[in-house]
C-alpha cells in the first residue's frame, strides 16, 4: 500500500504543472457536483482537487490500470483529469457529509 501511495505521489510531483491545473479544475467540478453553492472558495477547490488527484492516481495504481494507460500516451492527460475528478468527487462528498453547507 505504501509503495502505491509513493508511486502516486511521485507521479504527481513529476507532472507538477499539469497536476496543479487539473487539481483546480477537478476540485471545482467535484465541489460543484456535490454541493451546488453559489459561492465557492478557490483555495478549497485547489485543496480538494489535490487530494482528489492523489486519490485518483492511487486508485489507478491500486487497480493495476497504469500499464493500460501507458499504452495510450495521447489520452493520459484526459485520464488524469477523470481520475482527479472522481477523487475530488469522493473528497467533496466526504467533506459535505462532515460539514454540510
Protein backbone atom coordinates (compact mmCIF):
# COMPACT_ATOMS: atom_id res chain seq x y z
CA UNK A 1 0.00 0.00 0.00
CA UNK A 2 2.75 2.45 0.87
CA UNK A 3 4.56 1.67 -2.38
CA UNK A 4 1.41 2.50 -4.32
CA UNK A 5 0.98 5.77 -2.42
CA UNK A 6 4.63 6.69 -3.03
CA UNK A 7 4.30 5.92 -6.75
CA UNK A 8 1.15 8.05 -6.99
CA UNK A 9 2.80 10.94 -5.14
CA UNK A 10 5.92 10.67 -7.31
CA UNK A 11 3.81 10.77 -10.49
CA UNK A 12 2.05 13.91 -9.27
CA UNK A 13 5.40 15.55 -8.49
CA UNK A 14 6.86 14.67 -11.88
CA UNK A 15 3.91 16.29 -13.67
CA UNK A 16 3.58 19.26 -11.34
CA UNK A 17 2.21 21.90 -13.71
CA UNK A 18 -0.48 19.67 -15.19
CA UNK A 19 -1.29 18.33 -11.71
CA UNK A 20 -1.87 21.83 -10.34
CA UNK A 21 -4.07 22.85 -13.26
CA UNK A 22 -6.04 19.60 -13.26
CA UNK A 23 -6.39 19.74 -9.47
CA UNK A 24 -8.03 23.17 -9.54
CA UNK A 25 -10.47 22.28 -12.32
CA UNK A 26 -11.30 18.87 -10.85
CA UNK A 27 -11.73 20.35 -7.37
CA UNK A 28 -14.11 22.97 -8.75
CA UNK A 29 -16.09 20.31 -10.61
CA UNK A 30 -16.18 17.92 -7.67
CA UNK A 31 -17.37 20.54 -5.19
CA UNK A 32 -19.96 21.99 -7.57
CA UNK A 33 -21.27 18.50 -8.35
CA UNK A 34 -21.69 17.56 -4.70
CA UNK A 35 -22.89 20.87 -3.27
CA UNK A 36 -24.13 23.35 -5.82
CA UNK A 37 -23.31 26.52 -3.92
CA UNK A 38 -23.45 29.97 -5.45
CA UNK A 39 -20.11 30.99 -4.00
CA UNK A 40 -17.01 28.92 -3.65
CA UNK A 41 -13.59 29.23 -2.16
CA UNK A 42 -10.79 28.83 -4.74
CA UNK A 43 -8.42 27.59 -2.04
CA UNK A 44 -10.93 24.87 -1.14
CA UNK A 45 -11.25 23.93 -4.83
CA UNK A 46 -7.48 23.58 -5.01
CA UNK A 47 -7.13 21.53 -1.80
CA UNK A 48 -9.97 19.19 -2.70
CA UNK A 49 -8.55 18.88 -6.22
CA UNK A 50 -5.07 17.99 -4.97
CA UNK A 51 -6.45 15.39 -2.59
CA UNK A 52 -8.69 14.09 -5.37
CA UNK A 53 -5.77 13.87 -7.79
CA UNK A 54 -3.85 11.81 -5.25
CA UNK A 55 -6.84 9.54 -4.59
CA UNK A 56 -7.38 9.12 -8.33
CA UNK A 57 -3.73 8.25 -9.03
CA UNK A 58 -3.72 5.89 -6.06
CA UNK A 59 -6.81 4.14 -7.45
CA UNK A 60 -5.24 3.83 -10.91
CA UNK A 61 -2.19 2.15 -9.46
CA UNK A 62 -4.11 0.03 -6.96
CA UNK A 63 -6.40 -1.35 -9.67
CA UNK A 64 -3.45 -2.03 -11.98
CA UNK A 65 -4.59 0.32 -14.73
CA UNK A 66 -1.26 2.08 -15.10
CA UNK A 67 0.06 -0.38 -17.70
CA UNK A 68 -3.08 0.08 -19.80
CA UNK A 69 -2.88 3.87 -19.58
CA UNK A 70 0.80 3.83 -20.53
CA UNK A 71 -0.24 2.30 -23.87
CA UNK A 72 -2.38 5.40 -24.55
CA UNK A 73 0.04 8.31 -24.04
CA UNK A 74 -2.06 10.80 -26.00
CA UNK A 75 -5.01 10.26 -23.66
CA UNK A 76 -3.01 10.29 -20.42
CA UNK A 77 -3.94 13.90 -19.56
CA UNK A 78 -7.62 13.11 -20.10
CA UNK A 79 -7.46 10.05 -17.85
CA UNK A 80 -5.55 12.03 -15.24
CA UNK A 81 -8.38 14.55 -15.24
CA UNK A 82 -11.03 11.83 -14.95
CA UNK A 83 -9.18 10.24 -12.05
CA UNK A 84 -8.74 13.60 -10.33
CA UNK A 85 -12.41 14.45 -10.85
CA UNK A 86 -13.55 11.11 -9.42
CA UNK A 87 -11.22 11.52 -6.46
CA UNK A 88 -12.37 15.12 -5.94
CA UNK A 89 -15.97 13.98 -6.03
CA UNK A 90 -15.26 11.44 -3.27
CA UNK A 91 -13.36 14.00 -1.17
CA UNK A 92 -16.06 16.65 -1.68
CA UNK A 93 -18.79 14.14 -0.76
CA UNK A 94 -16.94 13.24 2.44
CA UNK A 95 -16.41 16.93 3.18
CA UNK A 96 -20.09 17.66 2.57
CA UNK A 97 -21.07 14.73 4.78
CA UNK A 98 -18.94 16.05 7.64
CA UNK A 99 -19.85 19.71 7.15
CA UNK A 100 -22.97 20.24 5.00
CA UNK A 101 -23.40 23.70 3.51
